[in-house]
């Protein structure tokens, strides 16, 4: 099968490129596709739109393997799936509506709450001149951009202990991220994540990131720590938690993925409070798939082939969902 790996290639360390696909990850994915007998071609979508369209048409793919993040704005992850639809190209992963919803942390939390899923209380701030009352929240609170990933815009200063401090921090964050910010009740505890792959049975093993709690990071898995190359040395798969708790995290992930309309693969991020309560923070509709990451380790633990399992399960889910047989290469 001819497969176009559509991605934004990370070419530097700028904040705007965090979340893009590294050259190493792209090569790993292309090699996996070849090992599975497919005919892959890399389509880097960071250039002019005309060039991207020309590359896609030239590739004549049976399937687009979509990892394209887009550059900016609340709709950036939605743009490329919408483009594939316009070009009549089948693609892996979620469609534009679901990706837009999952990237919007405010709307995601509204959907989660409507489905009875536990998520910390919050206030959405869009207009600097009309900041809603914050004293309804339980303090401390956490201030973060409403439409970002990879912990962009998050640092030790994101934690606020009073309404005045939270308002001040929200206005500073809003100046940098004018599409909106969340002021969210802070849940101390452990960072858990659950990879989700439809063709591998849904929610996989719960993973935990055990970053050191220091005075500098105030116990937060912030932007600086998210970019630390050593972060995977703090990754535990499976997380060392009781099986009943892991089963609950997987069940919550399954419900959240269905509620948001996500397809093929996703990832849910939780906080485990000291009293054992689980809080669903957000759901990533377009998680990266690097070797050694939480998704890769959980997939191997589930019995998938280390070199090809992740790619195979994403492609298989898309082919099954699209209701078409896999073409021969």
Protein backbone atom coordinates (compact mmCIF):
# COMPACT_ATOMS: atom_id res chain seq x y z
CA UNK A 1 0.00 0.00 0.00
CA UNK A 2 1.29 3.46 -0.85
CA UNK A 3 1.34 5.54 2.34
CA UNK A 4 2.16 9.22 2.68
CA UNK A 5 3.63 10.11 6.08
CA UNK A 6 2.29 13.65 6.48
CA UNK A 7 4.12 15.53 9.21
CA UNK A 8 5.65 18.80 10.31
CA UNK A 9 9.38 18.18 10.55
CA UNK A 10 11.06 19.66 13.60
CA UNK A 11 13.95 21.78 12.33
CA UNK A 12 14.92 23.62 15.50
CA UNK A 13 14.27 24.13 19.21
CA UNK A 14 11.79 26.98 18.89
CA UNK A 15 8.67 26.67 21.05
CA UNK A 16 6.48 26.77 17.94
CA UNK A 17 8.06 23.55 16.69
CA UNK A 18 7.53 21.51 19.83
CA UNK A 19 5.14 18.71 19.04
CA UNK A 20 6.49 18.41 15.51
CA UNK A 21 7.92 15.09 14.32
CA UNK A 22 11.66 14.71 14.75
CA UNK A 23 13.76 13.44 11.87
CA UNK A 24 14.55 10.31 13.90
CA UNK A 25 10.87 9.57 14.55
CA UNK A 26 9.99 10.11 10.88
CA UNK A 27 12.72 7.69 9.79
CA UNK A 28 11.59 5.11 12.34
CA UNK A 29 8.00 5.32 11.07
CA UNK A 30 9.05 5.07 7.42
CA UNK A 31 11.24 2.07 8.22
CA UNK A 32 8.33 0.41 10.04
CA UNK A 33 6.08 0.90 7.02
CA UNK A 34 8.68 -0.63 4.72
CA UNK A 35 9.11 -3.60 7.06
CA UNK A 36 5.35 -4.16 6.88
CA UNK A 37 5.54 -4.31 3.09
CA UNK A 38 4.17 -0.85 2.36
CA UNK A 39 5.54 1.78 0.02
CA UNK A 40 5.93 4.93 2.14
CA UNK A 41 6.82 8.46 1.12
CA UNK A 42 7.52 11.35 3.47
CA UNK A 43 5.38 14.45 2.92
CA UNK A 44 6.62 17.38 5.00
CA UNK A 45 3.74 19.85 5.24
CA UNK A 46 5.61 22.83 6.66
CA UNK A 47 5.98 24.69 3.35
CA UNK A 48 3.57 26.52 1.07
CA UNK A 49 0.12 25.00 0.72
CA UNK A 50 0.54 24.60 -3.04
CA UNK A 51 3.69 22.56 -2.43
CA UNK A 52 1.93 20.34 0.10
CA UNK A 53 -0.98 19.69 -2.27
CA UNK A 54 1.47 18.94 -5.09
CA UNK A 55 3.39 16.48 -2.88
CA UNK A 56 0.22 14.69 -1.85
CA UNK A 57 -1.01 14.42 -5.42
CA UNK A 58 2.37 13.26 -6.64
CA UNK A 59 2.53 10.58 -3.94
CA UNK A 60 -0.83 9.14 -5.05
CA UNK A 61 -1.24 7.52 -1.61
CA UNK A 62 -3.74 4.82 -0.80
CA UNK A 63 -3.60 6.20 2.73
CA UNK A 64 -2.20 9.29 4.46
CA UNK A 65 -0.57 8.50 7.80
CA UNK A 66 -1.36 11.79 9.50
CA UNK A 67 0.92 13.32 12.14
CA UNK A 68 0.64 16.92 10.90
CA UNK A 69 0.36 19.36 13.80
CA UNK A 70 0.02 22.62 11.88
CA UNK A 71 1.75 25.81 12.89
CA UNK A 72 -0.60 27.94 14.98
CA UNK A 73 -4.12 28.65 16.12
CA UNK A 74 -6.98 26.62 17.61
CA UNK A 75 -7.66 24.83 14.30
CA UNK A 76 -4.11 23.88 13.38
CA UNK A 77 -4.51 20.12 13.88
CA UNK A 78 -7.81 20.18 11.97
CA UNK A 79 -6.48 21.83 8.83
CA UNK A 80 -4.69 18.89 7.26
CA UNK A 81 -7.42 16.27 7.78
CA UNK A 82 -9.84 18.78 6.23
CA UNK A 83 -7.42 19.16 3.31
CA UNK A 84 -7.20 15.38 2.84
CA UNK A 85 -10.99 15.26 2.72
CA UNK A 86 -11.08 17.94 0.05
CA UNK A 87 -8.48 16.03 -1.98
CA UNK A 88 -10.36 12.76 -1.58
CA UNK A 89 -7.54 11.12 0.40
CA UNK A 90 -8.14 8.55 3.13
CA UNK A 91 -6.13 9.17 6.31
CA UNK A 92 -5.33 7.62 9.65
CA UNK A 93 -6.50 9.10 12.90
CA UNK A 94 -9.26 11.47 13.83
CA UNK A 95 -11.11 13.86 11.57
CA UNK A 96 -11.00 17.66 11.73
CA UNK A 97 -13.93 18.12 14.10
CA UNK A 98 -12.64 15.69 16.74
CA UNK A 99 -9.10 17.09 16.58
CA UNK A 100 -10.41 20.64 16.99
CA UNK A 101 -12.46 19.55 19.99
CA UNK A 102 -9.61 17.68 21.69
CA UNK A 103 -7.19 20.57 21.20
CA UNK A 104 -9.69 22.95 22.83
CA UNK A 105 -9.16 22.23 26.53
CA UNK A 106 -12.22 24.25 27.58
CA UNK A 107 -14.65 22.43 25.26
CA UNK A 108 -12.99 19.10 26.06
CA UNK A 109 -13.62 19.61 29.76
CA UNK A 110 -17.24 20.56 29.08
CA UNK A 111 -17.68 17.29 27.15
CA UNK A 112 -15.91 15.29 29.87
CA UNK A 113 -18.09 16.80 32.58
CA UNK A 114 -21.25 16.20 30.52
CA UNK A 115 -20.31 12.50 30.38
CA UNK A 116 -19.73 12.30 34.12
CA UNK A 117 -15.95 12.09 33.86
CA UNK A 118 -13.89 13.57 36.71
CA UNK A 119 -12.01 16.71 35.67
CA UNK A 120 -10.79 19.56 37.88
CA UNK A 121 -12.93 22.69 38.12
CA UNK A 122 -11.91 25.55 35.85
CA UNK A 123 -12.65 28.97 34.40
CA UNK A 124 -12.05 29.85 30.75
CA UNK A 125 -10.57 33.30 30.15
CA UNK A 126 -10.85 34.75 26.66
CA UNK A 127 -11.18 38.51 27.16
CA UNK A 128 -8.66 40.41 29.29
CA UNK A 129 -11.29 43.07 29.96
CA UNK A 130 -13.82 40.56 31.27
CA UNK A 131 -12.08 37.99 33.44
CA UNK A 132 -14.77 35.83 35.11
CA UNK A 133 -14.76 35.56 38.93
CA UNK A 134 -12.12 33.15 40.13
CA UNK A 135 -13.02 32.87 43.80
CA UNK A 136 -15.43 30.04 42.94
CA UNK A 137 -12.40 27.80 42.34
CA UNK A 138 -10.55 25.72 44.92
CA UNK A 139 -7.01 27.10 45.34
CA UNK A 140 -4.25 26.72 44.39
CA UNK A 141 -4.99 26.86 40.67
CA UNK A 142 -3.06 26.25 37.49
CA UNK A 143 -3.01 28.70 34.57
CA UNK A 144 -2.36 27.28 31.11
CA UNK A 145 -3.07 28.02 27.43
CA UNK A 146 -6.36 26.54 26.24
CA UNK A 147 -5.14 25.43 22.81
CA UNK A 148 -1.59 24.18 23.28
CA UNK A 149 0.23 20.88 23.73
CA UNK A 150 3.68 19.75 24.93
CA UNK A 151 3.24 21.89 28.08
CA UNK A 152 3.74 25.10 26.06
CA UNK A 153 3.16 28.15 28.20
CA UNK A 154 3.49 26.15 31.43
CA UNK A 155 6.16 26.78 34.06
CA UNK A 156 6.53 27.13 37.84
CA UNK A 157 4.87 30.55 37.59
CA UNK A 158 1.69 28.87 36.29
CA UNK A 159 0.71 27.89 39.83
CA UNK A 160 -1.28 30.58 41.65
CA UNK A 161 -2.40 30.55 45.29
CA UNK A 162 -4.89 33.45 45.40
CA UNK A 163 -7.57 34.89 43.07
CA UNK A 164 -5.53 38.06 42.55
CA UNK A 165 -2.42 36.08 41.67
CA UNK A 166 -4.42 33.85 39.34
CA UNK A 167 -5.99 36.82 37.58
CA UNK A 168 -2.59 38.45 37.11
CA UNK A 169 -1.09 35.25 35.74
CA UNK A 170 -4.07 34.71 33.44
CA UNK A 171 -3.65 38.17 31.93
CA UNK A 172 0.07 37.56 31.34
CA UNK A 173 -0.66 34.21 29.71
CA UNK A 174 -3.50 35.69 27.64
CA UNK A 175 -1.13 38.30 26.22
CA UNK A 176 1.03 35.48 24.84
CA UNK A 177 -1.83 33.10 23.98
CA UNK A 178 -4.73 35.38 22.99
CA UNK A 179 -7.03 32.54 21.90
CA UNK A 180 -7.72 31.81 25.56
CA UNK A 181 -6.36 30.35 28.79
CA UNK A 182 -7.69 28.06 31.49
CA UNK A 183 -7.54 28.73 35.20
CA UNK A 184 -7.88 25.19 36.54
CA UNK A 185 -7.97 23.79 40.06
CA UNK A 186 -4.57 22.28 40.75
CA UNK A 187 -4.47 18.61 41.71
CA UNK A 188 -1.27 17.57 43.48
CA UNK A 189 -0.15 14.02 42.92
CA UNK A 190 1.16 11.70 40.24
CA UNK A 191 1.18 12.18 36.44
CA UNK A 192 -0.43 9.24 34.65
CA UNK A 193 -1.09 8.76 30.94
CA UNK A 194 -3.03 6.11 29.05
CA UNK A 195 -2.23 5.42 25.37
CA UNK A 196 -5.22 4.38 23.28
CA UNK A 197 -5.08 2.31 20.07
CA UNK A 198 -8.34 1.03 18.63
CA UNK A 199 -6.83 -1.96 16.80
CA UNK A 200 -4.86 -3.02 19.89
CA UNK A 201 -7.97 -3.29 22.04
CA UNK A 202 -8.32 0.34 23.08
CA UNK A 203 -6.71 1.64 26.27
CA UNK A 204 -3.28 0.12 26.91
CA UNK A 205 -1.11 0.01 30.03
CA UNK A 206 -1.11 3.08 32.26
CA UNK A 207 2.20 4.93 32.23
CA UNK A 208 3.63 7.29 34.82
CA UNK A 209 6.16 10.08 34.56
CA UNK A 210 8.00 10.49 37.85
CA UNK A 211 9.76 13.81 37.40
CA UNK A 212 11.64 15.02 40.49
CA UNK A 213 9.77 17.48 42.71
CA UNK A 214 12.13 20.41 43.23
CA UNK A 215 11.82 24.00 44.38
CA UNK A 216 12.49 25.07 40.78
CA UNK A 217 9.62 23.15 39.18
CA UNK A 218 7.25 23.14 42.20
CA UNK A 219 6.32 19.56 41.38
CA UNK A 220 5.05 20.46 37.89
CA UNK A 221 5.75 18.52 34.69
CA UNK A 222 6.29 21.81 32.89
CA UNK A 223 7.57 22.85 29.47
CA UNK A 224 11.25 22.68 30.46
CA UNK A 225 10.91 19.16 31.84
CA UNK A 226 8.80 18.04 28.86
CA UNK A 227 11.75 18.90 26.58
CA UNK A 228 14.38 17.24 28.76
CA UNK A 229 15.96 14.35 26.78
CA UNK A 230 16.30 12.40 30.04
CA UNK A 231 12.56 12.52 30.74
CA UNK A 232 12.04 8.98 29.50
CA UNK A 233 14.32 7.72 32.24
CA UNK A 234 11.51 8.85 34.56
CA UNK A 235 8.86 6.98 32.54
CA UNK A 236 7.39 3.88 34.18
CA UNK A 237 5.35 1.47 32.03
CA UNK A 238 3.26 0.10 33.56
CA UNK A 239 2.74 2.59 36.34
CA UNK A 240 3.16 1.15 39.81
CA UNK A 241 -0.47 1.48 40.86
CA UNK A 242 -3.12 -1.07 41.95
CA UNK A 243 -4.77 -2.94 39.07
CA UNK A 244 -8.21 -1.67 40.09
CA UNK A 245 -6.97 1.89 39.70
CA UNK A 246 -5.33 1.09 36.36
CA UNK A 247 -8.57 -0.48 35.15
CA UNK A 248 -10.47 2.65 36.13
CA UNK A 249 -8.00 4.85 34.23
CA UNK A 250 -8.41 2.66 31.14
CA UNK A 251 -12.20 2.75 31.43
CA UNK A 252 -12.22 6.54 31.77
CA UNK A 253 -9.93 6.79 28.75
CA UNK A 254 -12.26 4.63 26.68
CA UNK A 255 -15.26 6.77 27.62
CA UNK A 256 -13.40 10.02 26.91
CA UNK A 257 -12.16 8.88 23.49
CA UNK A 258 -15.68 7.90 22.46
CA UNK A 259 -17.21 11.09 23.86
CA UNK A 260 -14.78 13.26 21.89
CA UNK A 261 -15.20 11.23 18.70
CA UNK A 262 -11.51 10.39 18.39
CA UNK A 263 -10.44 7.60 16.04
CA UNK A 264 -7.62 5.05 15.69
CA UNK A 265 -5.29 6.41 18.39
CA UNK A 266 -5.17 8.98 21.18
CA UNK A 267 -3.78 9.51 24.68
CA UNK A 268 -5.44 10.57 27.94
CA UNK A 269 -3.56 12.43 30.70
CA UNK A 270 -4.54 12.10 34.37
CA UNK A 271 -3.55 13.30 37.80
CA UNK A 272 -3.74 10.79 40.63
CA UNK A 273 -4.44 12.71 43.85
CA UNK A 274 -2.96 11.61 47.20
CA UNK A 275 -6.41 10.36 48.28
CA UNK A 276 -6.53 7.99 45.28
CA UNK A 277 -8.95 10.06 43.20
CA UNK A 278 -8.30 10.18 39.46
CA UNK A 279 -8.77 13.41 37.52
CA UNK A 280 -8.78 13.51 33.72
CA UNK A 281 -6.91 16.63 32.63
CA UNK A 282 -6.98 16.42 28.84
CA UNK A 283 -7.01 14.07 25.85
CA UNK A 284 -4.44 14.27 23.06
CA UNK A 285 -6.02 13.47 19.71
CA UNK A 286 -2.74 13.45 17.82
CA UNK A 287 -0.02 12.04 20.11
CA UNK A 288 3.48 11.46 18.83
CA UNK A 289 4.73 7.91 18.32
CA UNK A 290 8.46 7.97 19.14
CA UNK A 291 10.30 4.78 19.96
CA UNK A 292 10.70 4.52 23.73
CA UNK A 293 7.73 6.77 24.48
CA UNK A 294 4.73 5.79 26.59
CA UNK A 295 2.70 4.60 23.58
CA UNK A 296 5.57 2.50 22.24
CA UNK A 297 6.35 0.88 25.59
CA UNK A 298 2.68 0.17 26.30
CA UNK A 299 2.24 -1.35 22.83
CA UNK A 300 5.21 -3.67 23.31
CA UNK A 301 3.84 -4.66 26.72
CA UNK A 302 0.55 -5.52 24.98
CA UNK A 303 2.40 -7.90 22.67
CA UNK A 304 2.87 -5.71 19.59
CA UNK A 305 6.10 -6.03 17.63
CA UNK A 306 8.64 -3.49 18.93
CA UNK A 307 9.72 -2.27 15.48
CA UNK A 308 6.41 -2.25 13.63
CA UNK A 309 3.55 -2.69 16.09
CA UNK A 310 2.53 0.93 16.56
CA UNK A 311 2.47 1.72 12.85
CA UNK A 312 0.66 -1.52 12.05
CA UNK A 313 -2.08 -0.94 14.62
CA UNK A 314 -2.73 2.63 13.43
CA UNK A 315 -2.92 1.55 9.79
CA UNK A 316 -5.08 -1.46 10.64
CA UNK A 317 -7.55 0.70 12.57
CA UNK A 318 -7.85 3.14 9.67
CA UNK A 319 -8.31 0.40 7.06
CA UNK A 320 -10.99 -1.31 9.18
CA UNK A 321 -12.79 1.98 9.85
CA UNK A 322 -12.71 2.99 6.20
CA UNK A 323 -14.18 -0.33 5.19
CA UNK A 324 -11.75 -0.96 2.38
CA UNK A 325 -9.35 -3.85 1.84
CA UNK A 326 -5.64 -3.17 2.13
CA UNK A 327 -4.28 -2.65 -1.41
CA UNK A 328 -1.17 -4.56 -2.40
CA UNK A 329 2.04 -2.56 -2.66
